[in-house]
């Protein structure tokens, strides 16, 4: 989805919590990747493979110059002839550890095997984020989560677009309550002290 469509989508959703929630989640994603040097592992459930989000994050990575946003898509079923970028199986989650981020996309409850692998990755030091339907076990595993429940006005596809676009925005990730406010205040002060156009 291009920037114009994302902007229109944000306009349509203005007044709802979704644009801000997607930005908060994207900031958590960026913040977990940048200090750790990247290594983003993206995994879905057996019934839902997040290839769409993988493609959008890869595009945002290219457009924004943030190579750490390019995910490794981890798949439940890998066929012998699959190309290298589609041939990463669940064993990669088992091998995850410190410095890596696991992004779990789970519109429905993941099977126990996947939950155990993600739990082991977290214990080994990986950061876990979840874009999910509100499962309590997933919430207990995730350091950060964004819940898209069945009764929400948006679906997972729309939220994936908002998150991937926000992750690629040029604003640098900062700690909450830290320099972000000072940066905004500084930009506002610069604009207020500029001479009016056409006067000088």
Foldseek 3Di string as FASTA:
>chain_A
DDPVVLVVLCVVCPVPCQLVLLLVLLLVVQVLQVVLPAAEEEEEALVDFVVVLLVLQCVLCVVLVPVSSNYQGEHCDADPPDPPSRHHYLVVLQVAAASHEYEYEYQDDHDPVSLVSLQNRVVRHYAYEYEYQDDPSSVVSHPYYDHDHPPDPDDPVSSSVSNSVSNSDNDHRDDPPPCPVVVVVVVVVVVVPDDDPPPD
